[in-house]
PDB file of N, CA and C in Angstrom:
ATOM      1  N   MET A   1      67.584  93.080  57.175  1.00  0.00           N
ATOM      2  CA  MET A   1      66.884  94.404  57.448  1.00  0.00           C
ATOM      3  C   MET A   1      66.350  94.306  58.931  1.00  0.00           C
ATOM      4  N   LYS A   2      65.579  93.269  59.236  1.00  0.00           N
ATOM      5  CA  LYS A   2      65.096  93.198  60.558  1.00  0.00           C
ATOM      6  C   LYS A   2      65.917  93.384  61.711  1.00  0.00           C
ATOM      7  N   VAL A   3      67.227  92.768  61.446  1.00  0.00           N
ATOM      8  CA  VAL A   3      68.302  92.886  62.463  1.00  0.00           C
ATOM      9  C   VAL A   3      68.748  94.280  62.648  1.00  0.00           C
ATOM     10  N   LEU A   4      68.821  95.086  61.394  1.00  0.00           N
ATOM     11  CA  LEU A   4      69.268  96.415  61.455  1.00  0.00           C
ATOM     12  C   LEU A   4      68.129  97.355  62.246  1.00  0.00           C
ATOM     13  N   LEU A   5      67.059  97.066  61.924  1.00  0.00           N
ATOM     14  CA  LEU A   5      65.934  97.805  62.672  1.00  0.00           C
ATOM     15  C   LEU A   5      65.939  97.611  64.033  1.00  0.00           C
ATOM     16  N   LEU A   6      66.081  96.257  64.451  1.00  0.00           N
ATOM     17  CA  LEU A   6      66.139  95.808  65.910  1.00  0.00           C
ATOM     18  C   LEU A   6      67.306  96.508  66.619  1.00  0.00           C
ATOM     19  N   LEU A   7      68.457  96.518  65.868  1.00  0.00           N
ATOM     20  CA  LEU A   7      69.715  97.218  66.569  1.00  0.00           C
ATOM     21  C   LEU A   7      69.498  98.701  66.631  1.00  0.00           C
ATOM     22  N   CYS A   8      68.757  99.378  65.747  1.00  0.00           N
ATOM     23  CA  CYS A   8      68.373 100.819  65.670  1.00  0.00           C
ATOM     24  C   CYS A   8      67.523 101.134  67.072  1.00  0.00           C
ATOM     25  N   ALA A   9      66.340 100.286  67.066  1.00  0.00           N
ATOM     26  CA  ALA A   9      65.501 100.348  68.140  1.00  0.00           C
ATOM     27  C   ALA A   9      66.118 100.272  69.513  1.00  0.00           C
ATOM     28  N   LEU A  10      66.981  99.148  69.620  1.00  0.00           N
ATOM     29  CA  LEU A  10      67.733  99.085  70.828  1.00  0.00           C
ATOM     30  C   LEU A  10      68.640 100.211  71.087  1.00  0.00           C
ATOM     31  N   PHE A  11      69.309 100.839  70.258  1.00  0.00           N
ATOM     32  CA  PHE A  11      70.161 101.999  70.415  1.00  0.00           C
ATOM     33  C   PHE A  11      69.359 103.206  70.787  1.00  0.00           C
ATOM     34  N   ALA A  12      68.296 103.290  70.235  1.00  0.00           N
ATOM     35  CA  ALA A  12      67.411 104.417  70.622  1.00  0.00           C
ATOM     36  C   ALA A  12      66.913 104.270  71.953  1.00  0.00           C
ATOM     37  N   ALA A  13      66.485 103.217  72.373  1.00  0.00           N
ATOM     38  CA  ALA A  13      65.981 102.900  73.718  1.00  0.00           C
ATOM     39  C   ALA A  13      67.004 103.164  74.790  1.00  0.00           C
ATOM     40  N   VAL A  14      68.184 102.743  74.477  1.00  0.00           N
ATOM     41  CA  VAL A  14      69.417 102.948  75.592  1.00  0.00           C
ATOM     42  C   VAL A  14      69.765 104.391  75.443  1.00  0.00           C
ATOM     43  N   SER A  15      69.757 105.038  74.404  1.00  0.00           N
ATOM     44  CA  SER A  15      70.030 106.418  74.378  1.00  0.00           C
ATOM     45  C   SER A  15      68.951 107.228  75.112  1.00  0.00           C
ATOM     46  N   ALA A  16      67.624 106.971  74.995  1.00  0.00           N
ATOM     47  CA  ALA A  16      66.637 107.713  75.600  1.00  0.00           C
ATOM     48  C   ALA A  16      66.560 107.342  77.112  1.00  0.00           C
ATOM     49  N   ALA A  17      67.191 106.364  77.820  1.00  0.00           N
ATOM     50  CA  ALA A  17      67.037 106.001  78.952  1.00  0.00           C
ATOM     51  C   ALA A  17      67.635 107.171  79.854  1.00  0.00           C
ATOM     52  N   PRO A  18      67.110 107.593  80.987  1.00  0.00           N
ATOM     53  CA  PRO A  18      67.582 108.639  81.776  1.00  0.00           C
ATOM     54  C   PRO A  18      69.060 108.369  82.290  1.00  0.00           C
ATOM     55  N   GLN A  19      69.866 109.139  82.163  1.00  0.00           N
ATOM     56  CA  GLN A  19      71.328 109.145  82.580  1.00  0.00           C
ATOM     57  C   GLN A  19      71.300 109.825  84.014  1.00  0.00           C
ATOM     58  N   SER A  20      72.069 108.968  84.912  1.00  0.00           N
ATOM     59  CA  SER A  20      72.087 109.620  86.230  1.00  0.00           C
ATOM     60  C   SER A  20      73.210 110.532  86.425  1.00  0.00           C
ATOM     61  N   PRO A  21      73.076 111.731  86.917  1.00  0.00           N
ATOM     62  CA  PRO A  21      74.224 112.607  87.070  1.00  0.00           C
ATOM     63  C   PRO A  21      75.259 112.139  87.916  1.00  0.00           C
ATOM     64  N   ARG A  22      76.501 112.488  87.722  1.00  0.00           N
ATOM     65  CA  ARG A  22      77.547 112.175  88.578  1.00  0.00           C
ATOM     66  C   ARG A  22      77.426 112.433  89.934  1.00  0.00           C
ATOM     67  N   GLY A  23      77.614 111.527  90.934  1.00  0.00           N
ATOM     68  CA  GLY A  23      77.531 111.822  92.336  1.00  0.00           C
ATOM     69  C   GLY A  23      76.065 111.350  92.859  1.00  0.00           C
ATOM     70  N   GLU A  24      75.176 111.063  92.066  1.00  0.00           N
ATOM     71  CA  GLU A  24      73.953 110.530  92.459  1.00  0.00           C
ATOM     72  C   GLU A  24      74.036 109.358  93.316  1.00  0.00           C
ATOM     73  N   TYR A  25      74.910 108.393  93.048  1.00  0.00           N
ATOM     74  CA  TYR A  25      75.085 107.154  93.839  1.00  0.00           C
ATOM     75  C   TYR A  25      75.388 107.552  95.151  1.00  0.00           C
ATOM     76  N   ALA A  26      76.330 108.556  95.462  1.00  0.00           N
ATOM     77  CA  ALA A  26      76.733 108.946  96.871  1.00  0.00           C
ATOM     78  C   ALA A  26      75.562 109.534  97.616  1.00  0.00           C
ATOM     79  N   GLN A  27      74.742 110.354  96.936  1.00  0.00           N
ATOM     80  CA  GLN A  27      73.584 110.998  97.578  1.00  0.00           C
ATOM     81  C   GLN A  27      72.576 109.930  97.878  1.00  0.00           C
ATOM     82  N   GLU A  28      72.410 108.873  97.004  1.00  0.00           N
ATOM     83  CA  GLU A  28      71.429 107.913  97.418  1.00  0.00           C
ATOM     84  C   GLU A  28      71.770 106.780  98.389  1.00  0.00           C
ATOM     85  N   TYR A  29      73.074 106.518  98.416  1.00  0.00           N
ATOM     86  CA  TYR A  29      73.604 105.494  99.233  1.00  0.00           C
ATOM     87  C   TYR A  29      74.462 105.799 100.394  1.00  0.00           C
ATOM     88  N   GLY A  30      74.968 107.150 100.308  1.00  0.00           N
ATOM     89  CA  GLY A  30      75.777 107.695 101.455  1.00  0.00           C
ATOM     90  C   GLY A  30      77.196 107.484 101.065  1.00  0.00           C
ATOM     91  N   PRO A  31      78.186 108.020 101.854  1.00  0.00           N
ATOM     92  CA  PRO A  31      79.534 107.736 101.466  1.00  0.00           C
ATOM     93  C   PRO A  31      80.089 106.360 101.669  1.00  0.00           C
ATOM     94  N   ALA A  32      81.172 106.205 100.754  1.00  0.00           N
ATOM     95  CA  ALA A  32      81.694 104.878 100.797  1.00  0.00           C
ATOM     96  C   ALA A  32      82.476 104.598 102.335  1.00  0.00           C
ATOM     97  N   VAL A  33      82.191 103.364 102.748  1.00  0.00           N
ATOM     98  CA  VAL A  33      82.829 102.956 103.910  1.00  0.00           C
ATOM     99  C   VAL A  33      83.224 101.405 103.718  1.00  0.00           C
ATOM    100  N   TYR A  34      84.560 101.297 103.780  1.00  0.00           N
ATOM    101  CA  TYR A  34      84.951  99.768 103.734  1.00  0.00           C
ATOM    102  C   TYR A  34      86.217  99.607 104.411  1.00  0.00           C
ATOM    103  N   ASN A  35      86.700  98.373 104.651  1.00  0.00           N
ATOM    104  CA  ASN A  35      87.790  97.946 105.142  1.00  0.00           C
ATOM    105  C   ASN A  35      88.130  96.552 104.489  1.00  0.00           C
ATOM    106  N   PHE A  36      89.447  96.352 104.112  1.00  0.00           N
ATOM    107  CA  PHE A  36      89.732  94.930 103.645  1.00  0.00           C
ATOM    108  C   PHE A  36      91.306  94.751 103.795  1.00  0.00           C
ATOM    109  N   ALA A  37      91.535  93.489 103.813  1.00  0.00           N
ATOM    110  CA  ALA A  37      92.985  93.087 103.882  1.00  0.00           C
ATOM    111  C   ALA A  37      93.219  91.826 103.267  1.00  0.00           C
ATOM    112  N   TYR A  38      94.355  91.463 102.829  1.00  0.00           N
ATOM    113  CA  TYR A  38      94.960  90.158 102.332  1.00  0.00           C
ATOM    114  C   TYR A  38      96.447  90.031 102.498  1.00  0.00           C
ATOM    115  N   SER A  39      96.833  88.879 102.576  1.00  0.00           N
ATOM    116  CA  SER A  39      98.313  88.657 102.624  1.00  0.00           C
ATOM    117  C   SER A  39      98.542  87.329 102.089  1.00  0.00           C
ATOM    118  N   VAL A  40      99.809  87.266 101.484  1.00  0.00           N
ATOM    119  CA  VAL A  40     100.306  85.886 100.848  1.00  0.00           C
ATOM    120  C   VAL A  40     101.617  85.634 101.457  1.00  0.00           C
ATOM    121  N   ASP A  41     101.857  84.493 102.016  1.00  0.00           N
ATOM    122  CA  ASP A  41     103.330  84.004 102.521  1.00  0.00           C
ATOM    123  C   ASP A  41     103.452  82.716 101.971  1.00  0.00           C
ATOM    124  N   ALA A  42     104.413  82.480 101.091  1.00  0.00           N
ATOM    125  CA  ALA A  42     104.561  81.112 100.469  1.00  0.00           C
ATOM    126  C   ALA A  42     105.802  81.046  99.822  1.00  0.00           C
ATOM    127  N   ALA A  43     106.090  80.021  98.988  1.00  0.00           N
ATOM    128  CA  ALA A  43     107.470  79.906  98.383  1.00  0.00           C
ATOM    129  C   ALA A  43     107.126  79.593  96.797  1.00  0.00           C
ATOM    130  N   ASP A  44     107.825  80.130  95.883  1.00  0.00           N
ATOM    131  CA  ASP A  44     107.679  79.821  94.632  1.00  0.00           C
ATOM    132  C   ASP A  44     108.348  78.513  94.306  1.00  0.00           C
ATOM    133  N   PRO A  45     108.153  78.165  92.954  1.00  0.00           N
ATOM    134  CA  PRO A  45     108.802  76.920  92.550  1.00  0.00           C
ATOM    135  C   PRO A  45     110.355  76.718  92.769  1.00  0.00           C
ATOM    136  N   TYR A  46     111.146  77.829  92.861  1.00  0.00           N
ATOM    137  CA  TYR A  46     112.588  77.827  93.072  1.00  0.00           C
ATOM    138  C   TYR A  46     112.839  77.985  94.430  1.00  0.00           C
ATOM    139  N   ASN A  47     111.896  77.741  95.419  1.00  0.00           N
ATOM    140  CA  ASN A  47     111.991  77.880  96.859  1.00  0.00           C
ATOM    141  C   ASN A  47     112.511  79.285  97.299  1.00  0.00           C
ATOM    142  N   GLN A  48     112.138  80.111  96.450  1.00  0.00           N
ATOM    143  CA  GLN A  48     112.329  81.662  97.018  1.00  0.00           C
ATOM    144  C   GLN A  48     111.146  82.017  97.747  1.00  0.00           C
ATOM    145  N   PRO A  49     111.190  82.902  98.916  1.00  0.00           N
ATOM    146  CA  PRO A  49     110.094  83.227  99.661  1.00  0.00           C
ATOM    147  C   PRO A  49     109.132  84.277  98.830  1.00  0.00           C
ATOM    148  N   VAL A  50     107.945  84.050  98.982  1.00  0.00           N
ATOM    149  CA  VAL A  50     107.044  85.001  98.270  1.00  0.00           C
ATOM    150  C   VAL A  50     106.091  85.725  99.344  1.00  0.00           C
ATOM    151  N   ARG A  51     106.074  86.866  99.563  1.00  0.00           N
ATOM    152  CA  ARG A  51     105.433  87.551 100.615  1.00  0.00           C
ATOM    153  C   ARG A  51     105.056  88.979 100.180  1.00  0.00           C
ATOM    154  N   PHE A  52     103.627  89.141 100.225  1.00  0.00           N
ATOM    155  CA  PHE A  52     103.094  90.409  99.904  1.00  0.00           C
ATOM    156  C   PHE A  52     101.558  90.488 100.534  1.00  0.00           C
ATOM    157  N   GLY A  53     101.320  91.786 100.643  1.00  0.00           N
ATOM    158  CA  GLY A  53      99.869  91.906 101.243  1.00  0.00           C
ATOM    159  C   GLY A  53      99.331  93.383 101.178  1.00  0.00           C
ATOM    160  N   HIS A  54      98.313  93.512 101.458  1.00  0.00           N
ATOM    161  CA  HIS A  54      97.422  94.859 101.366  1.00  0.00           C
ATOM    162  C   HIS A  54      96.504  95.030 102.442  1.00  0.00           C
ATOM    163  N   GLN A  55      96.369  96.247 102.944  1.00  0.00           N
ATOM    164  CA  GLN A  55      95.280  96.552 103.993  1.00  0.00           C
ATOM    165  C   GLN A  55      94.842  97.913 103.612  1.00  0.00           C
ATOM    166  N   GLU A  56      93.529  98.005 103.546  1.00  0.00           N
ATOM    167  CA  GLU A  56      92.941  99.410 103.209  1.00  0.00           C
ATOM    168  C   GLU A  56      91.661  99.682 103.913  1.00  0.00           C
ATOM    169  N   GLY A  57      91.462 100.986 104.357  1.00  0.00           N
ATOM    170  CA  GLY A  57      90.171 101.297 104.921  1.00  0.00           C
ATOM    171  C   GLY A  57      89.892 102.508 104.253  1.00  0.00           C
ATOM    172  N   ARG A  58      88.446 102.870 104.036  1.00  0.00           N
ATOM    173  CA  ARG A  58      88.039 104.020 103.716  1.00  0.00           C
ATOM    174  C   ARG A  58      86.700 104.418 104.437  1.00  0.00           C
ATOM    175  N   ASN A  59      86.684 105.794 104.601  1.00  0.00           N
ATOM    176  CA  ASN A  59      85.348 106.382 105.029  1.00  0.00           C
ATOM    177  C   ASN A  59      85.268 107.609 104.507  1.00  0.00           C
ATOM    178  N   GLY A  60      84.338 107.714 103.643  1.00  0.00           N
ATOM    179  CA  GLY A  60      83.943 108.861 102.789  1.00  0.00           C
ATOM    180  C   GLY A  60      85.031 109.280 101.809  1.00  0.00           C
ATOM    181  N   ALA A  61      85.581 110.310 101.863  1.00  0.00           N
ATOM    182  CA  ALA A  61      86.535 110.782 100.936  1.00  0.00           C
ATOM    183  C   ALA A  61      87.974 110.374 101.431  1.00  0.00           C
ATOM    184  N   SER A  62      88.108 110.072 102.572  1.00  0.00           N
ATOM    185  CA  SER A  62      89.427 109.669 103.098  1.00  0.00           C
ATOM    186  C   SER A  62      89.658 108.014 103.099  1.00  0.00           C
ATOM    187  N   THR A  63      90.789 107.894 102.453  1.00  0.00           N
ATOM    188  CA  THR A  63      91.442 106.349 102.346  1.00  0.00           C
ATOM    189  C   THR A  63      92.754 106.388 102.957  1.00  0.00           C
ATOM    190  N   SER A  64      93.005 105.297 103.541  1.00  0.00           N
ATOM    191  CA  SER A  64      94.384 105.017 104.128  1.00  0.00           C
ATOM    192  C   SER A  64      94.615 103.548 104.102  1.00  0.00           C
ATOM    193  N   GLY A  65      96.023 103.256 104.040  1.00  0.00           N
ATOM    194  CA  GLY A  65      96.217 101.798 104.068  1.00  0.00           C
ATOM    195  C   GLY A  65      97.792 101.510 103.873  1.00  0.00           C
ATOM    196  N   THR A  66      98.072 100.279 103.864  1.00  0.00           N
ATOM    197  CA  THR A  66      99.577  99.836 103.650  1.00  0.00           C
ATOM    198  C   THR A  66      99.541  98.590 102.736  1.00  0.00           C
ATOM    199  N   TYR A  67     100.556  98.744 102.026  1.00  0.00           N
ATOM    200  CA  TYR A  67     101.021  97.438 101.322  1.00  0.00           C
ATOM    201  C   TYR A  67     102.441  97.149 101.478  1.00  0.00           C
ATOM    202  N   TYR A  68     102.687  95.929 101.180  1.00  0.00           N
ATOM    203  CA  TYR A  68     104.064  95.372 101.381  1.00  0.00           C
ATOM    204  C   TYR A  68     104.459  94.385 100.452  1.00  0.00           C
ATOM    205  N   VAL A  69     105.707  94.173 100.226  1.00  0.00           N
ATOM    206  CA  VAL A  69     106.231  93.174  99.394  1.00  0.00           C
ATOM    207  C   VAL A  69     107.605  92.843  99.619  1.00  0.00           C
ATOM    208  N   LEU A  70     107.971  91.521  99.567  1.00  0.00           N
ATOM    209  CA  LEU A  70     109.416  91.024  99.725  1.00  0.00           C
ATOM    210  C   LEU A  70     109.957  91.165  98.335  1.00  0.00           C
ATOM    211  N   LEU A  71     110.841  92.046  98.203  1.00  0.00           N
ATOM    212  CA  LEU A  71     111.569  92.364  96.910  1.00  0.00           C
ATOM    213  C   LEU A  71     112.459  91.146  96.410  1.00  0.00           C
ATOM    214  N   PRO A  72     112.713  91.055  95.216  1.00  0.00           N
ATOM    215  CA  PRO A  72     113.726  90.083  94.703  1.00  0.00           C
ATOM    216  C   PRO A  72     115.099  90.163  95.251  1.00  0.00           C
ATOM    217  N   ASP A  73     115.491  91.299  95.698  1.00  0.00           N
ATOM    218  CA  ASP A  73     116.900  91.438  96.231  1.00  0.00           C
ATOM    219  C   ASP A  73     116.804  91.191  97.790  1.00  0.00           C
ATOM    220  N   THR A  74     115.683  90.677  98.316  1.00  0.00           N
ATOM    221  CA  THR A  74     115.397  90.228  99.708  1.00  0.00           C
ATOM    222  C   THR A  74     115.124  91.411 100.626  1.00  0.00           C
ATOM    223  N   ARG A  75     115.092  92.485 100.108  1.00  0.00           N
ATOM    224  CA  ARG A  75     114.646  93.829 101.039  1.00  0.00           C
ATOM    225  C   ARG A  75     113.075  93.706 101.094  1.00  0.00           C
ATOM    226  N   PHE A  76     112.426  94.059 102.261  1.00  0.00           N
ATOM    227  CA  PHE A  76     111.114  94.146 102.512  1.00  0.00           C
ATOM    228  C   PHE A  76     110.613  95.720 102.338  1.00  0.00           C
ATOM    229  N   MET A  77     109.752  95.844 101.328  1.00  0.00           N
ATOM    230  CA  MET A  77     109.281  97.206 101.187  1.00  0.00           C
ATOM    231  C   MET A  77     107.791  97.483 101.687  1.00  0.00           C
ATOM    232  N   THR A  78     107.700  98.421 102.494  1.00  0.00           N
ATOM    233  CA  THR A  78     106.336  98.801 102.986  1.00  0.00           C
ATOM    234  C   THR A  78     105.906 100.089 102.480  1.00  0.00           C
ATOM    235  N   VAL A  79     104.838 100.312 102.144  1.00  0.00           N
ATOM    236  CA  VAL A  79     104.145 101.542 101.702  1.00  0.00           C
ATOM    237  C   VAL A  79     103.043 101.820 102.543  1.00  0.00           C
ATOM    238  N   ASN A  80     103.054 102.903 103.177  1.00  0.00           N
ATOM    239  CA  ASN A  80     101.866 103.518 103.901  1.00  0.00           C
ATOM    240  C   ASN A  80     101.420 104.754 103.266  1.00  0.00           C
ATOM    241  N   TYR A  81     100.082 104.753 103.049  1.00  0.00           N
ATOM    242  CA  TYR A  81      99.593 105.889 102.289  1.00  0.00           C
ATOM    243  C   TYR A  81      98.277 106.265 102.739  1.00  0.00           C
ATOM    244  N   TYR A  82      97.760 107.496 102.428  1.00  0.00           N
ATOM    245  CA  TYR A  82      96.583 107.958 102.519  1.00  0.00           C
ATOM    246  C   TYR A  82      96.164 108.788 101.294  1.00  0.00           C
ATOM    247  N   ALA A  83      94.849 108.896 101.042  1.00  0.00           N
ATOM    248  CA  ALA A  83      94.373 109.609  99.756  1.00  0.00           C
ATOM    249  C   ALA A  83      93.205 110.397 100.352  1.00  0.00           C
ATOM    250  N   ASP A  84      93.209 111.640  99.758  1.00  0.00           N
ATOM    251  CA  ASP A  84      92.127 112.476 100.176  1.00  0.00           C
ATOM    252  C   ASP A  84      91.813 113.341  98.887  1.00  0.00           C
ATOM    253  N   GLU A  85      91.110 114.493  99.276  1.00  0.00           N
ATOM    254  CA  GLU A  85      90.900 115.482  98.060  1.00  0.00           C
ATOM    255  C   GLU A  85      92.072 115.873  97.382  1.00  0.00           C
ATOM    256  N   THR A  86      93.263 115.966  98.163  1.00  0.00           N
ATOM    257  CA  THR A  86      94.370 116.615  97.548  1.00  0.00           C
ATOM    258  C   THR A  86      95.211 115.601  96.774  1.00  0.00           C
ATOM    259  N   GLY A  87      94.896 114.280  96.824  1.00  0.00           N
ATOM    260  CA  GLY A  87      95.733 113.284  96.058  1.00  0.00           C
ATOM    261  C   GLY A  87      96.177 112.175  96.903  1.00  0.00           C
ATOM    262  N   PHE A  88      96.982 111.369  96.266  1.00  0.00           N
ATOM    263  CA  PHE A  88      97.532 110.221  96.869  1.00  0.00           C
ATOM    264  C   PHE A  88      98.965 110.414  97.516  1.00  0.00           C
ATOM    265  N   HIS A  89      99.084 110.037  98.795  1.00  0.00           N
ATOM    266  CA  HIS A  89     100.311 110.454  99.484  1.00  0.00           C
ATOM    267  C   HIS A  89     100.962 109.269 100.096  1.00  0.00           C
ATOM    268  N   PRO A  90     101.993 108.763  99.468  1.00  0.00           N
ATOM    269  CA  PRO A  90     102.694 107.516  99.931  1.00  0.00           C
ATOM    270  C   PRO A  90     104.010 107.847 100.706  1.00  0.00           C
ATOM    271  N   THR A  91     104.126 106.973 101.595  1.00  0.00           N
ATOM    272  CA  THR A  91     105.563 106.917 102.351  1.00  0.00           C
ATOM    273  C   THR A  91     106.104 105.766 102.261  1.00  0.00           C
ATOM    274  N   TYR A  92     107.332 105.574 101.603  1.00  0.00           N
ATOM    275  CA  TYR A  92     108.114 104.170 101.461  1.00  0.00           C
ATOM    276  C   TYR A  92     109.078 103.863 102.510  1.00  0.00           C
ATOM    277  N   SER A  93     109.172 102.584 102.913  1.00  0.00           N
ATOM    278  CA  SER A  93     110.256 102.371 103.697  1.00  0.00           C
ATOM    279  C   SER A  93     110.923 100.919 103.332  1.00  0.00           C
ATOM    280  N   PHE A  94     112.022 100.565 103.550  1.00  0.00           N
ATOM    281  CA  PHE A  94     112.718  99.443 103.300  1.00  0.00           C
ATOM    282  C   PHE A  94     113.438  98.733 104.421  1.00  0.00           C
ATOM    283  N   GLU A  95     113.350  97.573 104.624  1.00  0.00           N
ATOM    284  CA  GLU A  95     114.100  96.769 105.595  1.00  0.00           C
ATOM    285  C   GLU A  95     115.114  95.888 105.024  1.00  0.00           C
ATOM    286  N   GLY A  96     116.276  95.752 105.586  1.00  0.00           N
ATOM    287  CA  GLY A  96     117.203  94.861 105.105  1.00  0.00           C
ATOM    288  C   GLY A  96     118.198  95.372 104.154  1.00  0.00           C
ATOM    289  N   GLN A  97     119.134  94.551 103.884  1.00  0.00           N
ATOM    290  CA  GLN A  97     120.132  95.058 102.754  1.00  0.00           C
ATOM    291  C   GLN A  97     119.890  94.261 101.511  1.00  0.00           C
ATOM    292  N   PRO A  98     120.040  94.743 100.324  1.00  0.00           N
ATOM    293  CA  PRO A  98     119.953  94.013  99.046  1.00  0.00           C
ATOM    294  C   PRO A  98     120.958  92.992  98.963  1.00  0.00           C
ATOM    295  N   ARG A  99     120.575  91.727  98.666  1.00  0.00           N
ATOM    296  CA  ARG A  99     121.308  90.552  98.186  1.00  0.00           C
ATOM    297  C   ARG A  99     120.741  90.026  96.930  1.00  0.00           C
ATOM    298  N   TYR A 100     121.795  89.604  96.025  1.00  0.00           N
ATOM    299  CA  TYR A 100     121.404  89.006  94.751  1.00  0.00           C
ATOM    300  C   TYR A 100     121.900  87.693  94.738  1.00  0.00           C
ATOM    301  N   TYR A 101     121.119  86.693  94.259  1.00  0.00           N
ATOM    302  CA  TYR A 101     121.530  85.353  94.088  1.00  0.00           C
ATOM    303  C   TYR A 101     121.891  85.037  92.698  1.00  0.00           C
ATOM    304  N   GLU A 102     122.818  84.303  92.566  1.00  0.00           N
ATOM    305  CA  GLU A 102     123.232  83.753  91.131  1.00  0.00           C
ATOM    306  C   GLU A 102     122.493  82.591  90.838  1.00  0.00           C
ATOM    307  N   ARG A 103     122.069  82.461  89.621  1.00  0.00           N
ATOM    308  CA  ARG A 103     121.208  81.189  89.333  1.00  0.00           C
ATOM    309  C   ARG A 103     122.197  80.331  88.518  1.00  0.00           C
TER     310      ARG A 103
END
């Protein structure tokens, strides 16, 4: 019984806590600004090359970046993109000709 009362009191306290309206974080801390990047260039256990990475930057509502990956068919795919109030806008490009290996 005590556990039930404790859970009810905890639920009531959490429910009564003031809820922040959406967007309050941006008003309090300003627009989001960041840049990051990573890349991986290695080989898997079967000695096939593994290469991929991502770079992105954001300033307020505008985000842009690039990600890339070496596909299993040996083509290199790059995606350049930007995102804004109108949505996500990618542009894809491929380098090389597809090749398939027999195992």
